[in-house]
Amino acid sequence: MVDLLPPALADGSGGVSQVLEDRESALQRRRDAEVLLAQFVRGQMTRHYWGHFAASLEDLGLQTGEHLEARVERGDGFSRLWLMPRRGGEAFLADVRLRGDRLERRLCRGDASSAAQGPSLGCPAGWNEFAAEEISNSSN
C-alpha cells in the first residue's frame, strides 16, 4: 500500500499546519531564488555587452536575502551563480556563457547535495533545467 501522507503526518510527529508552513516556506525560497537568477542573467548579459562579466552580485546591485548563500564563478567567456539554501534541500544555478558571438544562458535547480558534483558545463547530474519564462509566469 502506498502512503499518501507526507512523512511528518504519516509518522504522527508533526501537524498539518507545520507541513503546510514548510511547503509555503520552500515555495517562497524557490520564487526568491528564481527571481534572483533571472536578475543575475540579465545583469551579466548587460555587463558583458559593455566589456566583461561582473565579479559579484554586489557589482550587479543584487542581494541574496536571508534564505540563500551565493557563489559567483567567473572565467574566460562565462559567469555562473550558485545559490545554496541555508535551510532546505533545493539549490539553483544560473550559467551565462559566450558561444561564438552569442551569449547563452542556462537555469537549473536540484538537490543541494549534488551541486558540487556538477560538470563545468550544463546542469549537475539529476538537476532540472528550466526556462526563464517559467520565472516570469510564477512571479505574477
N, C-alpha and C. Protein backbone atom coordinates (compact mmCIF):
# COMPACT_ATOMS: atom_id res chain seq x y z
N MET A 1 0.83 -1.17 0.00
CA MET A 1 0.00 0.00 0.00
C MET A 1 0.88 1.24 0.00
N VAL A 2 0.52 2.22 -0.81
CA VAL A 2 1.28 3.46 -0.93
C VAL A 2 0.83 4.43 0.14
N ASP A 3 1.78 5.02 0.86
CA ASP A 3 1.48 6.01 1.89
C ASP A 3 1.34 7.37 1.23
N LEU A 4 0.15 7.94 1.26
CA LEU A 4 -0.11 9.21 0.60
C LEU A 4 0.12 10.42 1.49
N LEU A 5 0.37 10.21 2.75
CA LEU A 5 0.60 11.32 3.66
C LEU A 5 2.06 11.74 3.63
N PRO A 6 2.33 13.05 3.77
CA PRO A 6 3.72 13.49 3.91
C PRO A 6 4.35 12.82 5.12
N PRO A 7 5.67 12.62 5.13
CA PRO A 7 6.33 11.91 6.23
C PRO A 7 5.98 12.44 7.61
N ALA A 8 5.88 13.76 7.78
CA ALA A 8 5.58 14.32 9.11
C ALA A 8 4.20 13.90 9.60
N LEU A 9 3.26 13.71 8.68
CA LEU A 9 1.92 13.28 9.08
C LEU A 9 1.83 11.76 9.21
N ALA A 10 2.56 11.07 8.35
CA ALA A 10 2.49 9.61 8.36
C ALA A 10 3.02 9.04 9.67
N ASP A 11 4.07 9.66 10.23
CA ASP A 11 4.60 9.11 11.48
C ASP A 11 4.03 9.81 12.71
N GLY A 12 3.14 10.76 12.51
CA GLY A 12 2.47 11.42 13.63
C GLY A 12 3.33 12.45 14.35
N SER A 13 4.51 12.81 13.81
CA SER A 13 5.42 13.71 14.51
C SER A 13 5.12 15.19 14.28
N GLY A 14 4.31 15.52 13.29
CA GLY A 14 4.04 16.93 13.01
C GLY A 14 2.61 17.14 12.64
N GLY A 15 2.17 18.35 12.74
CA GLY A 15 0.80 18.67 12.40
C GLY A 15 0.69 19.15 10.97
N VAL A 16 -0.55 19.22 10.52
CA VAL A 16 -0.83 19.69 9.17
C VAL A 16 -0.32 21.11 8.98
N SER A 17 -0.49 21.96 9.97
CA SER A 17 -0.05 23.35 9.83
C SER A 17 1.46 23.44 9.65
N GLN A 18 2.22 22.58 10.30
CA GLN A 18 3.68 22.60 10.14
C GLN A 18 4.08 22.17 8.74
N VAL A 19 3.42 21.14 8.21
CA VAL A 19 3.70 20.67 6.86
C VAL A 19 3.38 21.77 5.86
N LEU A 20 2.24 22.42 6.02
CA LEU A 20 1.86 23.50 5.11
C LEU A 20 2.82 24.68 5.22
N GLU A 21 3.23 24.99 6.43
CA GLU A 21 4.18 26.09 6.63
C GLU A 21 5.52 25.77 5.96
N ASP A 22 5.99 24.54 6.07
CA ASP A 22 7.24 24.13 5.44
C ASP A 22 7.14 24.22 3.92
N ARG A 23 6.02 23.79 3.38
CA ARG A 23 5.82 23.85 1.92
C ARG A 23 5.78 25.30 1.44
N GLU A 24 5.07 26.15 2.16
CA GLU A 24 4.99 27.56 1.79
C GLU A 24 6.36 28.21 1.85
N SER A 25 7.13 27.88 2.86
CA SER A 25 8.48 28.41 3.00
C SER A 25 9.36 27.96 1.84
N ALA A 26 9.26 26.69 1.46
CA ALA A 26 10.04 26.17 0.34
C ALA A 26 9.65 26.85 -0.97
N LEU A 27 8.35 27.07 -1.17
CA LEU A 27 7.90 27.76 -2.38
C LEU A 27 8.40 29.20 -2.42
N GLN A 28 8.39 29.86 -1.28
CA GLN A 28 8.87 31.24 -1.24
C GLN A 28 10.37 31.30 -1.53
N ARG A 29 11.14 30.36 -0.98
CA ARG A 29 12.58 30.30 -1.27
C ARG A 29 12.81 30.09 -2.76
N ARG A 30 12.01 29.20 -3.37
CA ARG A 30 12.16 28.94 -4.80
C ARG A 30 11.85 30.19 -5.61
N ARG A 31 10.77 30.88 -5.28
CA ARG A 31 10.43 32.12 -6.00
C ARG A 31 11.53 33.15 -5.87
N ASP A 32 12.01 33.35 -4.66
CA ASP A 32 13.08 34.33 -4.43
C ASP A 32 14.34 33.97 -5.22
N ALA A 33 14.70 32.69 -5.21
CA ALA A 33 15.89 32.25 -5.93
C ALA A 33 15.73 32.43 -7.43
N GLU A 34 14.58 32.08 -7.96
CA GLU A 34 14.38 32.18 -9.40
C GLU A 34 14.37 33.63 -9.88
N VAL A 35 13.82 34.52 -9.08
CA VAL A 35 13.86 35.95 -9.43
C VAL A 35 15.30 36.44 -9.43
N LEU A 36 16.07 36.05 -8.42
CA LEU A 36 17.48 36.45 -8.35
C LEU A 36 18.26 35.88 -9.53
N LEU A 37 18.00 34.64 -9.92
CA LEU A 37 18.67 34.04 -11.07
C LEU A 37 18.40 34.85 -12.33
N ALA A 38 17.14 35.22 -12.54
CA ALA A 38 16.77 35.99 -13.73
C ALA A 38 17.46 37.35 -13.73
N GLN A 39 17.52 38.00 -12.58
CA GLN A 39 18.19 39.29 -12.47
C GLN A 39 19.69 39.14 -12.74
N PHE A 40 20.29 38.08 -12.24
CA PHE A 40 21.71 37.81 -12.47
C PHE A 40 21.98 37.63 -13.97
N VAL A 41 21.16 36.83 -14.63
CA VAL A 41 21.35 36.57 -16.07
C VAL A 41 21.24 37.88 -16.85
N ARG A 42 20.19 38.65 -16.59
CA ARG A 42 20.02 39.93 -17.30
C ARG A 42 21.20 40.87 -17.03
N GLY A 43 21.60 40.94 -15.77
CA GLY A 43 22.72 41.80 -15.41
C GLY A 43 24.02 41.39 -16.06
N GLN A 44 24.30 40.10 -16.09
CA GLN A 44 25.55 39.63 -16.70
C GLN A 44 25.53 39.82 -18.21
N MET A 45 24.39 39.63 -18.83
CA MET A 45 24.30 39.86 -20.27
C MET A 45 24.56 41.33 -20.58
N THR A 46 24.01 42.21 -19.78
CA THR A 46 24.24 43.65 -19.97
C THR A 46 25.70 44.00 -19.72
N ARG A 47 26.26 43.49 -18.62
CA ARG A 47 27.66 43.79 -18.30
C ARG A 47 28.60 43.27 -19.39
N HIS A 48 28.31 42.08 -19.92
CA HIS A 48 29.17 41.54 -20.98
C HIS A 48 29.12 42.43 -22.21
N TYR A 49 27.96 42.97 -22.52
CA TYR A 49 27.83 43.88 -23.66
C TYR A 49 28.78 45.06 -23.50
N TRP A 50 28.98 45.50 -22.27
CA TRP A 50 29.87 46.64 -22.01
C TRP A 50 31.31 46.21 -21.77
N GLY A 51 31.63 44.93 -21.95
CA GLY A 51 33.03 44.54 -21.93
C GLY A 51 33.42 43.36 -21.08
N HIS A 52 32.71 43.06 -20.01
CA HIS A 52 33.11 41.94 -19.16
C HIS A 52 31.96 41.55 -18.22
N PHE A 53 32.05 40.34 -17.70
CA PHE A 53 31.07 39.89 -16.71
C PHE A 53 31.40 40.51 -15.35
N ALA A 54 30.38 40.74 -14.56
CA ALA A 54 30.56 41.23 -13.19
C ALA A 54 31.15 40.12 -12.32
N ALA A 55 31.95 40.52 -11.34
CA ALA A 55 32.62 39.54 -10.48
C ALA A 55 31.79 39.13 -9.28
N SER A 56 30.73 39.88 -8.96
CA SER A 56 29.95 39.58 -7.75
C SER A 56 28.52 40.05 -7.92
N LEU A 57 27.66 39.60 -7.02
CA LEU A 57 26.28 40.09 -7.01
C LEU A 57 26.25 41.58 -6.70
N GLU A 58 27.13 42.02 -5.80
CA GLU A 58 27.17 43.44 -5.43
C GLU A 58 27.46 44.31 -6.64
N ASP A 59 28.33 43.83 -7.55
CA ASP A 59 28.64 44.59 -8.77
C ASP A 59 27.41 44.76 -9.65
N LEU A 60 26.45 43.86 -9.51
CA LEU A 60 25.21 43.93 -10.28
C LEU A 60 24.10 44.63 -9.50
N GLY A 61 24.39 45.02 -8.26
CA GLY A 61 23.38 45.65 -7.42
C GLY A 61 22.36 44.67 -6.86
N LEU A 62 22.77 43.41 -6.69
CA LEU A 62 21.86 42.36 -6.23
C LEU A 62 22.26 41.85 -4.85
N GLN A 63 21.27 41.33 -4.12
CA GLN A 63 21.49 40.73 -2.81
C GLN A 63 20.74 39.40 -2.75
N THR A 64 21.24 38.49 -1.92
CA THR A 64 20.62 37.16 -1.85
C THR A 64 19.46 37.08 -0.88
N GLY A 65 19.43 37.88 0.13
CA GLY A 65 18.40 37.73 1.15
C GLY A 65 18.86 36.74 2.21
N GLU A 66 17.99 36.46 3.15
CA GLU A 66 18.38 35.66 4.32
C GLU A 66 18.34 34.16 4.10
N HIS A 67 17.66 33.68 3.06
CA HIS A 67 17.46 32.24 2.88
C HIS A 67 18.52 31.56 2.03
N LEU A 68 19.34 32.35 1.32
CA LEU A 68 20.26 31.77 0.34
C LEU A 68 21.69 32.23 0.55
N GLU A 69 22.63 31.35 0.21
CA GLU A 69 24.04 31.71 0.13
C GLU A 69 24.42 31.67 -1.34
N ALA A 70 25.16 32.68 -1.79
CA ALA A 70 25.51 32.79 -3.21
C ALA A 70 27.01 32.64 -3.42
N ARG A 71 27.35 32.05 -4.57
CA ARG A 71 28.75 31.98 -5.00
C ARG A 71 28.78 32.29 -6.50
N VAL A 72 29.54 33.31 -6.88
CA VAL A 72 29.69 33.66 -8.28
C VAL A 72 31.03 33.12 -8.77
N GLU A 73 30.99 32.41 -9.88
CA GLU A 73 32.21 31.93 -10.54
C GLU A 73 32.30 32.64 -11.87
N ARG A 74 33.50 33.07 -12.22
CA ARG A 74 33.68 33.80 -13.46
C ARG A 74 34.98 33.35 -14.10
N GLY A 75 34.95 33.18 -15.40
CA GLY A 75 36.14 32.79 -16.13
C GLY A 75 36.10 33.37 -17.52
N ASP A 76 36.98 32.88 -18.36
CA ASP A 76 37.06 33.37 -19.73
C ASP A 76 35.79 32.98 -20.50
N GLY A 77 34.93 33.92 -20.72
CA GLY A 77 33.72 33.68 -21.51
C GLY A 77 32.55 33.09 -20.76
N PHE A 78 32.58 33.07 -19.43
CA PHE A 78 31.42 32.56 -18.69
C PHE A 78 31.31 33.21 -17.32
N SER A 79 30.11 33.15 -16.79
CA SER A 79 29.83 33.55 -15.41
C SER A 79 28.73 32.64 -14.89
N ARG A 80 28.86 32.23 -13.64
CA ARG A 80 27.92 31.27 -13.06
C ARG A 80 27.56 31.70 -11.65
N LEU A 81 26.28 31.59 -11.32
CA LEU A 81 25.80 31.88 -9.97
C LEU A 81 25.23 30.61 -9.36
N TRP A 82 25.80 30.20 -8.23
CA TRP A 82 25.28 29.08 -7.45
C TRP A 82 24.52 29.66 -6.27
N LEU A 83 23.30 29.22 -6.06
CA LEU A 83 22.51 29.61 -4.89
C LEU A 83 22.23 28.37 -4.07
N MET A 84 22.74 28.37 -2.85
CA MET A 84 22.57 27.24 -1.94
C MET A 84 21.67 27.66 -0.80
N PRO A 85 20.71 26.82 -0.43
CA PRO A 85 19.79 27.18 0.65
C PRO A 85 20.47 27.09 2.02
N ARG A 86 20.11 28.00 2.89
CA ARG A 86 20.58 27.91 4.28
C ARG A 86 19.77 26.83 5.00
N ARG A 87 18.54 26.60 4.51
CA ARG A 87 17.65 25.59 5.08
C ARG A 87 16.84 25.00 3.92
N GLY A 88 16.73 23.72 3.85
CA GLY A 88 16.01 23.11 2.74
C GLY A 88 17.01 22.52 1.76
N GLY A 89 16.52 21.66 0.89
CA GLY A 89 17.43 20.91 0.05
C GLY A 89 17.55 21.33 -1.39
N GLU A 90 16.85 22.39 -1.83
CA GLU A 90 16.87 22.74 -3.24
C GLU A 90 17.86 23.87 -3.50
N ALA A 91 18.76 23.65 -4.47
CA ALA A 91 19.76 24.65 -4.85
C ALA A 91 19.51 25.06 -6.30
N PHE A 92 20.19 26.12 -6.73
CA PHE A 92 19.94 26.71 -8.04
C PHE A 92 21.24 27.11 -8.71
N LEU A 93 21.22 27.16 -10.04
CA LEU A 93 22.38 27.56 -10.82
C LEU A 93 21.92 28.40 -12.00
N ALA A 94 22.60 29.52 -12.23
CA ALA A 94 22.43 30.31 -13.45
C ALA A 94 23.78 30.33 -14.14
N ASP A 95 23.80 30.03 -15.42
CA ASP A 95 25.03 29.96 -16.18
C ASP A 95 24.87 30.85 -17.42
N VAL A 96 25.78 31.80 -17.59
CA VAL A 96 25.79 32.68 -18.77
C VAL A 96 27.15 32.50 -19.41
N ARG A 97 27.15 32.17 -20.71
CA ARG A 97 28.44 31.96 -21.37
C ARG A 97 28.39 32.40 -22.82
N LEU A 98 29.58 32.75 -23.31
CA LEU A 98 29.75 33.18 -24.68
C LEU A 98 30.00 31.96 -25.55
N ARG A 99 29.20 31.80 -26.59
CA ARG A 99 29.36 30.73 -27.58
C ARG A 99 29.50 31.42 -28.93
N GLY A 100 30.72 31.48 -29.42
CA GLY A 100 30.94 32.21 -30.66
C GLY A 100 30.69 33.69 -30.41
N ASP A 101 29.74 34.26 -31.11
CA ASP A 101 29.40 35.67 -30.91
C ASP A 101 28.08 35.85 -30.17
N ARG A 102 27.57 34.78 -29.58
CA ARG A 102 26.28 34.83 -28.87
C ARG A 102 26.45 34.47 -27.40
N LEU A 103 25.61 35.09 -26.58
CA LEU A 103 25.55 34.72 -25.17
C LEU A 103 24.43 33.72 -24.97
N GLU A 104 24.72 32.65 -24.25
CA GLU A 104 23.71 31.64 -23.92
C GLU A 104 23.50 31.64 -22.42
N ARG A 105 22.30 31.26 -22.02
CA ARG A 105 22.00 31.17 -20.59
C ARG A 105 21.39 29.81 -20.29
N ARG A 106 21.60 29.37 -19.07
CA ARG A 106 21.01 28.11 -18.61
C ARG A 106 20.64 28.30 -17.14
N LEU A 107 19.44 27.89 -16.79
CA LEU A 107 18.96 27.95 -15.41
C LEU A 107 18.64 26.52 -14.97
N CYS A 108 19.12 26.16 -13.77
CA CYS A 108 18.94 24.80 -13.27
C CYS A 108 18.53 24.84 -11.80
N ARG A 109 17.85 23.79 -11.38
CA ARG A 109 17.55 23.61 -9.95
C ARG A 109 17.61 22.12 -9.64
N GLY A 110 17.99 21.84 -8.39
CA GLY A 110 18.10 20.44 -8.00
C GLY A 110 18.54 20.30 -6.55
N ASP A 111 18.85 19.08 -6.19
CA ASP A 111 19.23 18.75 -4.82
C ASP A 111 20.58 19.38 -4.48
N ALA A 112 20.62 20.13 -3.40
CA ALA A 112 21.84 20.83 -3.00
C ALA A 112 23.01 19.87 -2.76
N SER A 113 22.72 18.65 -2.33
CA SER A 113 23.81 17.71 -2.03
C SER A 113 24.56 17.27 -3.29
N SER A 114 23.97 17.42 -4.46
CA SER A 114 24.66 17.02 -5.70
C SER A 114 25.22 18.22 -6.45
N ALA A 115 25.15 19.40 -5.89
CA ALA A 115 25.62 20.61 -6.59
C ALA A 115 27.11 20.56 -6.87
N ALA A 116 27.90 20.14 -5.92
CA ALA A 116 29.36 20.14 -6.09
C ALA A 116 29.82 19.10 -7.11
N GLN A 117 28.96 18.14 -7.42
CA GLN A 117 29.33 17.09 -8.35
C GLN A 117 29.03 17.47 -9.79
N GLY A 118 28.50 18.66 -10.01
CA GLY A 118 28.09 19.07 -11.34
C GLY A 118 29.26 19.34 -12.26
N PRO A 119 29.06 19.14 -13.55
CA PRO A 119 30.11 19.43 -14.52
C PRO A 119 30.28 20.94 -14.68
N SER A 120 31.37 21.32 -15.32
CA SER A 120 31.59 22.75 -15.52
C SER A 120 30.64 23.32 -16.56
N LEU A 121 30.09 22.48 -17.41
CA LEU A 121 29.11 22.93 -18.40
C LEU A 121 27.78 22.23 -18.13
N GLY A 122 26.70 22.95 -18.23
CA GLY A 122 25.39 22.35 -18.07
C GLY A 122 24.98 22.18 -16.63
N CYS A 123 23.82 21.58 -16.47
CA CYS A 123 23.27 21.35 -15.13
C CYS A 123 23.95 20.14 -14.49
N PRO A 124 24.11 20.16 -13.18
CA PRO A 124 24.63 18.97 -12.50
C PRO A 124 23.72 17.77 -12.73
N ALA A 125 24.27 16.59 -12.63
CA ALA A 125 23.51 15.35 -12.83
C ALA A 125 22.31 15.31 -11.88
N GLY A 126 21.15 14.98 -12.42
CA GLY A 126 19.94 14.87 -11.62
C GLY A 126 19.19 16.19 -11.43
N TRP A 127 19.76 17.28 -11.89
CA TRP A 127 19.10 18.59 -11.79
C TRP A 127 18.21 18.81 -13.01
N ASN A 128 17.26 19.74 -12.88
CA ASN A 128 16.35 20.07 -13.97
C ASN A 128 16.66 21.45 -14.50
N GLU A 129 16.72 21.54 -15.82
CA GLU A 129 16.86 22.85 -16.46
C GLU A 129 15.46 23.43 -16.60
N PHE A 130 15.35 24.74 -16.43
CA PHE A 130 14.05 25.38 -16.62
C PHE A 130 14.25 26.68 -17.38
N ALA A 131 13.18 27.16 -17.98
CA ALA A 131 13.24 28.35 -18.82
C ALA A 131 12.96 29.60 -18.00
N ALA A 132 13.54 30.70 -18.43
CA ALA A 132 13.31 31.98 -17.76
C ALA A 132 11.84 32.37 -17.80
N GLU A 133 11.12 31.91 -18.81
CA GLU A 133 9.69 32.22 -18.90
C GLU A 133 8.92 31.66 -17.71
N GLU A 134 9.38 30.52 -17.18
CA GLU A 134 8.74 29.94 -16.00
C GLU A 134 8.84 30.88 -14.81
N ILE A 135 9.92 31.65 -14.74
CA ILE A 135 10.11 32.58 -13.64
C ILE A 135 9.10 33.71 -13.73
N SER A 136 8.98 34.31 -14.91
CA SER A 136 8.06 35.43 -15.02
C SER A 136 6.62 34.99 -14.84
N ASN A 137 6.30 33.76 -15.26
CA ASN A 137 4.93 33.27 -15.07
C ASN A 137 4.63 32.97 -13.61
N SER A 138 5.62 32.48 -12.85
CA SER A 138 5.36 32.12 -11.46
C SER A 138 5.42 33.31 -10.52
N SER A 139 6.00 34.43 -10.96
CA SER A 139 6.12 35.58 -10.07
C SER A 139 4.98 36.57 -10.24
N ASN A 140 4.03 36.28 -11.11
CA ASN A 140 2.88 37.19 -11.30
C ASN A 140 1.87 37.04 -10.20
